[in-house]
Amino acid sequence: RLHPMNWYRQTPGMQRELVAGISSDSVANYVDSVKDRF
C-alpha cells in the first residue's frame, strides 16, 4: 500500500515504455497513446 506501481511495455529492439502509473493513494497517469483506452 505504500508503493507506487507502474505498467511498462516493450517491443523487440525498442526501449521499455512507461504506459501507466498509479500512486500509493491511487492517482493515475497515462502515456498519451493509451489515455481513454487503458
All heavy atoms as atom14 arrays in JSON, in Angstrom:
{
  "sequence": "RLHPMNWYRQTPGMQRELVAGISSDSVANYVDSVKDRF",
  "atom14_mask": [
    [1, 1, 1, 1, 1, 1, 1, 1, 1, 1, 1, 0, 0, 0],
    [1, 1, 1, 1, 1, 1, 1, 1, 0, 0, 0, 0, 0, 0],
    [1, 1, 1, 1, 1, 1, 1, 1, 1, 1, 0, 0, 0, 0],
    [1, 1, 1, 1, 1, 1, 1, 0, 0, 0, 0, 0, 0, 0],
    [1, 1, 1, 1, 1, 1, 1, 1, 0, 0, 0, 0, 0, 0],
    [1, 1, 1, 1, 1, 1, 1, 1, 0, 0, 0, 0, 0, 0],
    [1, 1, 1, 1, 1, 1, 1, 1, 1, 1, 1, 1, 1, 1],
    [1, 1, 1, 1, 1, 1, 1, 1, 1, 1, 1, 1, 0, 0],
    [1, 1, 1, 1, 1, 1, 1, 1, 1, 1, 1, 0, 0, 0],
    [1, 1, 1, 1, 1, 1, 1, 1, 1, 0, 0, 0, 0, 0],
    [1, 1, 1, 1, 1, 1, 1, 0, 0, 0, 0, 0, 0, 0],
    [1, 1, 1, 1, 1, 1, 1, 0, 0, 0, 0, 0, 0, 0],
    [1, 1, 1, 1, 0, 0, 0, 0, 0, 0, 0, 0, 0, 0],
    [1, 1, 1, 1, 1, 1, 1, 1, 0, 0, 0, 0, 0, 0],
    [1, 1, 1, 1, 1, 1, 1, 1, 1, 0, 0, 0, 0, 0],
    [1, 1, 1, 1, 1, 1, 1, 1, 1, 1, 1, 0, 0, 0],
    [1, 1, 1, 1, 1, 1, 1, 1, 1, 0, 0, 0, 0, 0],
    [1, 1, 1, 1, 1, 1, 1, 1, 0, 0, 0, 0, 0, 0],
    [1, 1, 1, 1, 1, 1, 1, 0, 0, 0, 0, 0, 0, 0],
    [1, 1, 1, 1, 1, 0, 0, 0, 0, 0, 0, 0, 0, 0],
    [1, 1, 1, 1, 0, 0, 0, 0, 0, 0, 0, 0, 0, 0],
    [1, 1, 1, 1, 1, 1, 1, 1, 0, 0, 0, 0, 0, 0],
    [1, 1, 1, 1, 1, 1, 0, 0, 0, 0, 0, 0, 0, 0],
    [1, 1, 1, 1, 1, 1, 0, 0, 0, 0, 0, 0, 0, 0],
    [1, 1, 1, 1, 1, 1, 1, 1, 0, 0, 0, 0, 0, 0],
    [1, 1, 1, 1, 1, 1, 0, 0, 0, 0, 0, 0, 0, 0],
    [1, 1, 1, 1, 1, 1, 1, 0, 0, 0, 0, 0, 0, 0],
    [1, 1, 1, 1, 1, 0, 0, 0, 0, 0, 0, 0, 0, 0],
    [1, 1, 1, 1, 1, 1, 1, 1, 0, 0, 0, 0, 0, 0],
    [1, 1, 1, 1, 1, 1, 1, 1, 1, 1, 1, 1, 0, 0],
    [1, 1, 1, 1, 1, 1, 1, 0, 0, 0, 0, 0, 0, 0],
    [1, 1, 1, 1, 1, 1, 1, 1, 0, 0, 0, 0, 0, 0],
    [1, 1, 1, 1, 1, 1, 0, 0, 0, 0, 0, 0, 0, 0],
    [1, 1, 1, 1, 1, 1, 1, 0, 0, 0, 0, 0, 0, 0],
    [1, 1, 1, 1, 1, 1, 1, 1, 1, 0, 0, 0, 0, 0],
    [1, 1, 1, 1, 1, 1, 1, 1, 0, 0, 0, 0, 0, 0],
    [1, 1, 1, 1, 1, 1, 1, 1, 1, 1, 1, 0, 0, 0],
    [1, 1, 1, 1, 1, 1, 1, 1, 1, 1, 1, 0, 0, 0]
  ],
  "atom14_positions": [
    [[0.81, -1.22, 0.0], [0.0, 0.0, 0.0], [0.85, 1.27, 0.0], [0.34, 2.34, -0.3], [-0.95, -0.01, 1.18], [-0.29, 0.05, 2.54], [-1.32, -0.02, 3.66], [-2.03, -1.28, 3.67], [-3.32, -1.41, 3.41], [-4.04, -0.34, 3.08], [-3.9, -2.6, 3.46], [0.0, 0.0, 0.0], [0.0, 0.0, 0.0], [0.0, 0.0, 0.0]],
    [[2.12, 1.17, 0.32], [2.99, 2.35, 0.39], [3.7, 2.65, -0.93], [4.34, 3.69, -1.06], [4.05, 2.16, 1.48], [3.54, 1.96, 2.9], [4.71, 1.79, 3.86], [2.66, 3.12, 3.34], [0.0, 0.0, 0.0], [0.0, 0.0, 0.0], [0.0, 0.0, 0.0], [0.0, 0.0, 0.0], [0.0, 0.0, 0.0], [0.0, 0.0, 0.0]],
    [[3.58, 1.74, -1.9], [4.4, 1.84, -3.1], [3.62, 2.22, -4.34], [2.61, 1.58, -4.67], [5.09, 0.5, -3.37], [6.17, 0.19, -2.39], [7.5, 0.43, -2.66], [6.12, -0.29, -1.14], [8.23, 0.09, -1.63], [7.41, -0.36, -0.68], [0.0, 0.0, 0.0], [0.0, 0.0, 0.0], [0.0, 0.0, 0.0], [0.0, 0.0, 0.0]],
    [[4.08, 3.26, -5.05], [3.55, 3.49, -6.4], [3.86, 2.29, -7.29], [4.88, 1.61, -7.09], [4.31, 4.73, -6.88], [4.85, 5.37, -5.65], [5.08, 4.26, -4.68], [0.0, 0.0, 0.0], [0.0, 0.0, 0.0], [0.0, 0.0, 0.0], [0.0, 0.0, 0.0], [0.0, 0.0, 0.0], [0.0, 0.0, 0.0], [0.0, 0.0, 0.0]],
    [[2.99, 2.05, -8.25], [3.16, 0.91, -9.16], [3.04, 1.4, -10.59], [2.32, 2.35, -10.88], [2.09, -0.15, -8.89], [2.13, -0.76, -7.5], [3.64, -1.68, -7.16], [3.62, -2.9, -8.49], [0.0, 0.0, 0.0], [0.0, 0.0, 0.0], [0.0, 0.0, 0.0], [0.0, 0.0, 0.0], [0.0, 0.0, 0.0], [0.0, 0.0, 0.0]],
    [[3.7, 0.71, -11.49], [3.7, 1.1, -12.9], [3.5, -0.11, -13.79], [3.87, -1.23, -13.43], [5.04, 1.75, -13.27], [5.38, 2.92, -12.4], [4.65, 3.9, -12.32], [6.52, 2.83, -11.71], [0.0, 0.0, 0.0], [0.0, 0.0, 0.0], [0.0, 0.0, 0.0], [0.0, 0.0, 0.0], [0.0, 0.0, 0.0], [0.0, 0.0, 0.0]],
    [[2.99, 0.16, -14.98], [3.0, -0.79, -16.09], [3.85, -0.2, -17.21], [3.64, 0.95, -17.61], [1.6, -1.06, -16.61], [0.78, -1.96, -15.74], [-0.18, -1.59, -14.84], [0.84, -3.39, -15.71], [-0.72, -2.7, -14.25], [-0.12, -3.82, -14.77], [1.59, -4.35, -16.39], [-0.34, -5.17, -14.48], [1.37, -5.68, -16.1], [0.43, -6.09, -15.16]],
    [[4.79, -1.0, -17.68], [5.62, -0.66, -18.83], [5.33, -1.66, -19.94], [4.79, -2.74, -19.69], [7.11, -0.75, -18.49], [7.69, 0.39, -17.71], [7.43, 0.55, -16.36], [8.53, 1.31, -18.33], [7.99, 1.58, -15.64], [9.11, 2.35, -17.62], [8.84, 2.48, -16.28], [9.4, 3.52, -15.57], [0.0, 0.0, 0.0], [0.0, 0.0, 0.0]],
    [[5.74, -1.33, -21.16], [5.69, -2.29, -22.24], [6.93, -2.14, -23.11], [7.56, -1.09, -23.15], [4.43, -2.13, -23.08], [4.32, -0.81, -23.84], [2.95, -0.72, -24.52], [2.78, 0.55, -25.21], [1.62, 0.94, -25.74], [0.54, 0.17, -25.65], [1.56, 2.11, -26.36], [0.0, 0.0, 0.0], [0.0, 0.0, 0.0], [0.0, 0.0, 0.0]],
    [[7.25, -3.23, -23.79], [8.45, -3.25, -24.62], [8.23, -4.15, -25.82], [7.68, -5.25, -25.69], [9.64, -3.74, -23.81], [10.97, -3.62, -24.51], [12.14, -3.96, -23.61], [12.01, -4.72, -22.66], [13.31, -3.37, -23.9], [0.0, 0.0, 0.0], [0.0, 0.0, 0.0], [0.0, 0.0, 0.0], [0.0, 0.0, 0.0], [0.0, 0.0, 0.0]],
    [[8.67, -3.66, -26.99], [8.7, -4.47, -28.19], [10.16, -4.72, -28.56], [11.05, -3.94, -28.16], [7.97, -3.78, -29.35], [8.52, -2.45, -29.52], [6.49, -3.64, -29.06], [0.0, 0.0, 0.0], [0.0, 0.0, 0.0], [0.0, 0.0, 0.0], [0.0, 0.0, 0.0], [0.0, 0.0, 0.0], [0.0, 0.0, 0.0], [0.0, 0.0, 0.0]],
    [[10.44, -5.77, -29.32], [11.84, -6.11, -29.63], [12.58, -4.95, -30.28], [12.07, -4.3, -31.19], [11.69, -7.29, -30.59], [10.4, -7.92, -30.2], [9.51, -6.79, -29.81], [0.0, 0.0, 0.0], [0.0, 0.0, 0.0], [0.0, 0.0, 0.0], [0.0, 0.0, 0.0], [0.0, 0.0, 0.0], [0.0, 0.0, 0.0], [0.0, 0.0, 0.0]],
    [[13.77, -4.66, -29.78], [14.6, -3.61, -30.34], [14.26, -2.22, -29.87], [14.92, -1.25, -30.26], [0.0, 0.0, 0.0], [0.0, 0.0, 0.0], [0.0, 0.0, 0.0], [0.0, 0.0, 0.0], [0.0, 0.0, 0.0], [0.0, 0.0, 0.0], [0.0, 0.0, 0.0], [0.0, 0.0, 0.0], [0.0, 0.0, 0.0], [0.0, 0.0, 0.0]],
    [[13.23, -2.1, -29.02], [12.8, -0.78, -28.55], [13.03, -0.66, -27.06], [13.11, -1.66, -26.34], [11.32, -0.57, -28.87], [10.99, -0.66, -30.34], [11.77, 0.64, -31.32], [10.79, 2.04, -30.79], [0.0, 0.0, 0.0], [0.0, 0.0, 0.0], [0.0, 0.0, 0.0], [0.0, 0.0, 0.0], [0.0, 0.0, 0.0], [0.0, 0.0, 0.0]],
    [[13.11, 0.59, -26.57], [13.21, 0.81, -25.13], [11.89, 0.53, -24.45], [10.82, 0.65, -25.06], [13.61, 2.26, -24.87], [15.08, 2.56, -25.1], [15.5, 3.88, -24.49], [14.74, 4.84, -24.48], [16.71, 3.92, -23.96], [0.0, 0.0, 0.0], [0.0, 0.0, 0.0], [0.0, 0.0, 0.0], [0.0, 0.0, 0.0], [0.0, 0.0, 0.0]],
    [[12.0, 0.16, -23.2], [10.8, -0.07, -22.41], [10.08, 1.27, -22.21], [10.72, 2.27, -21.89], [11.19, -0.69, -21.07], [10.18, -1.57, -20.45], [10.78, -2.41, -19.34], [11.46, -3.59, -19.87], [11.84, -4.61, -19.11], [11.64, -4.57, -17.81], [12.46, -5.64, -19.65], [0.0, 0.0, 0.0], [0.0, 0.0, 0.0], [0.0, 0.0, 0.0]],
    [[8.77, 1.26, -22.4], [7.96, 2.48, -22.37], [7.01, 2.45, -21.17], [6.3, 1.45, -20.97], [7.14, 2.58, -23.67], [6.13, 3.72, -23.69], [5.16, 3.63, -24.86], [4.75, 2.52, -25.22], [4.78, 4.7, -25.38], [0.0, 0.0, 0.0], [0.0, 0.0, 0.0], [0.0, 0.0, 0.0], [0.0, 0.0, 0.0], [0.0, 0.0, 0.0]],
    [[6.97, 3.54, -20.41], [6.01, 3.65, -19.32], [4.62, 3.86, -19.9], [4.38, 4.82, -20.63], [6.38, 4.8, -18.4], [5.42, 5.07, -17.24], [5.32, 3.88, -16.3], [5.88, 6.32, -16.47], [0.0, 0.0, 0.0], [0.0, 0.0, 0.0], [0.0, 0.0, 0.0], [0.0, 0.0, 0.0], [0.0, 0.0, 0.0], [0.0, 0.0, 0.0]],
    [[3.71, 2.98, -19.58], [2.34, 3.04, -20.09], [1.42, 3.73, -19.1], [0.63, 4.61, -19.48], [1.82, 1.62, -20.38], [0.35, 1.65, -20.8], [2.67, 0.94, -21.43], [0.0, 0.0, 0.0], [0.0, 0.0, 0.0], [0.0, 0.0, 0.0], [0.0, 0.0, 0.0], [0.0, 0.0, 0.0], [0.0, 0.0, 0.0], [0.0, 0.0, 0.0]],
    [[1.5, 3.35, -17.85], [0.61, 3.9, -16.82], [1.25, 3.73, -15.46], [2.0, 2.78, -15.23], [-0.75, 3.2, -16.85], [0.0, 0.0, 0.0], [0.0, 0.0, 0.0], [0.0, 0.0, 0.0], [0.0, 0.0, 0.0], [0.0, 0.0, 0.0], [0.0, 0.0, 0.0], [0.0, 0.0, 0.0], [0.0, 0.0, 0.0], [0.0, 0.0, 0.0]],
    [[0.92, 4.65, -14.57], [1.4, 4.57, -13.2], [0.28, 4.92, -12.24], [-0.66, 5.64, -12.6], [0.0, 0.0, 0.0], [0.0, 0.0, 0.0], [0.0, 0.0, 0.0], [0.0, 0.0, 0.0], [0.0, 0.0, 0.0], [0.0, 0.0, 0.0], [0.0, 0.0, 0.0], [0.0, 0.0, 0.0], [0.0, 0.0, 0.0], [0.0, 0.0, 0.0]],
    [[0.38, 4.4, -11.04], [-0.61, 4.71, -10.01], [0.12, 4.93, -8.69], [0.97, 4.12, -8.29], [-1.69, 3.62, -9.93], [-2.81, 4.03, -8.98], [-1.1, 2.26, -9.53], [-4.06, 3.18, -9.11], [0.0, 0.0, 0.0], [0.0, 0.0, 0.0], [0.0, 0.0, 0.0], [0.0, 0.0, 0.0], [0.0, 0.0, 0.0], [0.0, 0.0, 0.0]],
    [[-0.2, 6.03, -8.03], [0.46, 6.36, -6.77], [-0.1, 5.52, -5.63], [-1.08, 4.78, -5.79], [0.28, 7.84, -6.48], [-1.08, 8.11, -6.17], [0.0, 0.0, 0.0], [0.0, 0.0, 0.0], [0.0, 0.0, 0.0], [0.0, 0.0, 0.0], [0.0, 0.0, 0.0], [0.0, 0.0, 0.0], [0.0, 0.0, 0.0], [0.0, 0.0, 0.0]],
    [[0.51, 5.66, -4.47], [0.04, 4.91, -3.31], [-1.36, 5.34, -2.91], [-2.09, 4.54, -2.3], [1.0, 5.1, -2.13], [1.15, 6.47, -1.84], [0.0, 0.0, 0.0], [0.0, 0.0, 0.0], [0.0, 0.0, 0.0], [0.0, 0.0, 0.0], [0.0, 0.0, 0.0], [0.0, 0.0, 0.0], [0.0, 0.0, 0.0], [0.0, 0.0, 0.0]],
    [[-1.77, 6.56, -3.26], [-3.14, 6.99, -2.96], [-4.01, 6.98, -4.21], [-4.99, 7.71, -4.31], [-3.16, 8.36, -2.28], [-2.44, 9.42, -3.06], [-1.83, 9.09, -4.09], [-2.48, 10.59, -2.64], [0.0, 0.0, 0.0], [0.0, 0.0, 0.0], [0.0, 0.0, 0.0], [0.0, 0.0, 0.0], [0.0, 0.0, 0.0], [0.0, 0.0, 0.0]],
    [[-3.61, 6.13, -5.18], [-4.44, 5.8, -6.36], [-4.63, 6.93, -7.36], [-5.63, 6.94, -8.08], [-5.79, 5.23, -5.93], [-5.6, 4.0, -5.27], [0.0, 0.0, 0.0], [0.0, 0.0, 0.0], [0.0, 0.0, 0.0], [0.0, 0.0, 0.0], [0.0, 0.0, 0.0], [0.0, 0.0, 0.0], [0.0, 0.0, 0.0], [0.0, 0.0, 0.0]],
    [[-3.69, 7.85, -7.43], [-3.7, 8.83, -8.51], [-3.02, 8.19, -9.71], [-1.89, 7.7, -9.61], [-2.98, 10.13, -8.1], [-2.91, 11.08, -9.28], [-3.69, 10.77, -6.91], [0.0, 0.0, 0.0], [0.0, 0.0, 0.0], [0.0, 0.0, 0.0], [0.0, 0.0, 0.0], [0.0, 0.0, 0.0], [0.0, 0.0, 0.0], [0.0, 0.0, 0.0]],
    [[-3.71, 8.21, -10.85], [-3.23, 7.51, -12.03], [-2.71, 8.49, -13.08], [-3.18, 9.63, -13.17], [-4.34, 6.67, -12.63], [0.0, 0.0, 0.0], [0.0, 0.0, 0.0], [0.0, 0.0, 0.0], [0.0, 0.0, 0.0], [0.0, 0.0, 0.0], [0.0, 0.0, 0.0], [0.0, 0.0, 0.0], [0.0, 0.0, 0.0], [0.0, 0.0, 0.0]],
    [[-1.76, 8.02, -13.87], [-1.31, 8.8, -15.03], [-1.01, 7.84, -16.16], [-0.71, 6.66, -15.94], [-0.09, 9.66, -14.69], [1.08, 8.84, -14.24], [1.85, 8.33, -15.04], [1.24, 8.69, -12.92], [0.0, 0.0, 0.0], [0.0, 0.0, 0.0], [0.0, 0.0, 0.0], [0.0, 0.0, 0.0], [0.0, 0.0, 0.0], [0.0, 0.0, 0.0]],
    [[-1.08, 8.36, -17.39], [-1.0, 7.52, -18.58], [-0.15, 8.19, -19.66], [-0.13, 9.42, -19.78], [-2.39, 7.28, -19.16], [-3.36, 6.65, -18.19], [-4.18, 7.44, -17.38], [-3.45, 5.27, -18.06], [-5.05, 6.87, -16.47], [-4.32, 4.69, -17.16], [-5.13, 5.5, -16.37], [-5.99, 4.93, -15.48], [0.0, 0.0, 0.0], [0.0, 0.0, 0.0]],
    [[0.47, 7.38, -20.48], [1.07, 7.9, -21.7], [-0.07, 8.3, -22.64], [-1.16, 7.69, -22.61], [2.0, 6.84, -22.34], [1.23, 5.65, -22.86], [2.86, 7.46, -23.41], [0.0, 0.0, 0.0], [0.0, 0.0, 0.0], [0.0, 0.0, 0.0], [0.0, 0.0, 0.0], [0.0, 0.0, 0.0], [0.0, 0.0, 0.0], [0.0, 0.0, 0.0]],
    [[0.15, 9.31, -23.45], [-0.93, 9.85, -24.27], [-1.58, 8.8, -25.17], [-2.8, 8.82, -25.4], [-0.41, 11.0, -25.15], [-0.2, 12.28, -24.35], [-0.67, 12.36, -23.19], [0.44, 13.21, -24.89], [0.0, 0.0, 0.0], [0.0, 0.0, 0.0], [0.0, 0.0, 0.0], [0.0, 0.0, 0.0], [0.0, 0.0, 0.0], [0.0, 0.0, 0.0]],
    [[-0.78, 7.86, -25.66], [-1.3, 6.91, -26.64], [-2.33, 5.93, -26.07], [-3.03, 5.27, -26.84], [-0.14, 6.12, -27.26], [0.56, 5.4, -26.25], [0.0, 0.0, 0.0], [0.0, 0.0, 0.0], [0.0, 0.0, 0.0], [0.0, 0.0, 0.0], [0.0, 0.0, 0.0], [0.0, 0.0, 0.0], [0.0, 0.0, 0.0], [0.0, 0.0, 0.0]],
    [[-2.43, 5.85, -24.74], [-3.39, 4.91, -24.14], [-4.49, 5.61, -23.34], [-5.4, 4.94, -22.84], [-2.69, 3.86, -23.25], [-1.56, 3.17, -24.0], [-2.21, 4.45, -21.94], [0.0, 0.0, 0.0], [0.0, 0.0, 0.0], [0.0, 0.0, 0.0], [0.0, 0.0, 0.0], [0.0, 0.0, 0.0], [0.0, 0.0, 0.0], [0.0, 0.0, 0.0]],
    [[-4.39, 6.94, -23.23], [-5.43, 7.66, -22.48], [-6.79, 7.39, -23.09], [-6.95, 7.32, -24.31], [-5.13, 9.17, -22.5], [-4.05, 9.59, -21.53], [-3.8, 11.09, -21.61], [-2.69, 11.49, -20.64], [-2.34, 12.93, -20.76], [0.0, 0.0, 0.0], [0.0, 0.0, 0.0], [0.0, 0.0, 0.0], [0.0, 0.0, 0.0], [0.0, 0.0, 0.0]],
    [[-7.77, 7.24, -22.24], [-9.16, 6.96, -22.63], [-9.38, 5.54, -23.12], [-10.51, 5.18, -23.47], [-9.67, 7.95, -23.7], [-9.61, 9.38, -23.24], [-9.87, 9.63, -22.04], [-9.29, 10.25, -24.07], [0.0, 0.0, 0.0], [0.0, 0.0, 0.0], [0.0, 0.0, 0.0], [0.0, 0.0, 0.0], [0.0, 0.0, 0.0], [0.0, 0.0, 0.0]],
    [[-8.31, 4.72, -23.15], [-8.48, 3.3, -23.53], [-8.05, 2.37, -22.41], [-8.64, 1.3, -22.22], [-7.66, 2.98, -24.79], [-8.06, 3.77, -26.0], [-7.37, 3.25, -27.26], [-5.91, 3.34, -27.18], [-5.09, 2.3, -27.3], [-5.56, 1.09, -27.51], [-3.77, 2.47, -27.22], [0.0, 0.0, 0.0], [0.0, 0.0, 0.0], [0.0, 0.0, 0.0]],
    [[-7.01, 2.75, -21.67], [-6.47, 1.91, -20.61], [-6.81, 2.52, -19.25], [-6.85, 3.75, -19.1], [-4.95, 1.8, -20.71], [-4.42, 1.0, -21.87], [-5.25, 0.6, -22.91], [-3.08, 0.67, -21.92], [-4.75, -0.13, -23.98], [-2.56, -0.06, -22.98], [-3.4, -0.46, -24.01], [0.0, 0.0, 0.0], [0.0, 0.0, 0.0], [0.0, 0.0, 0.0]]
  ]
}
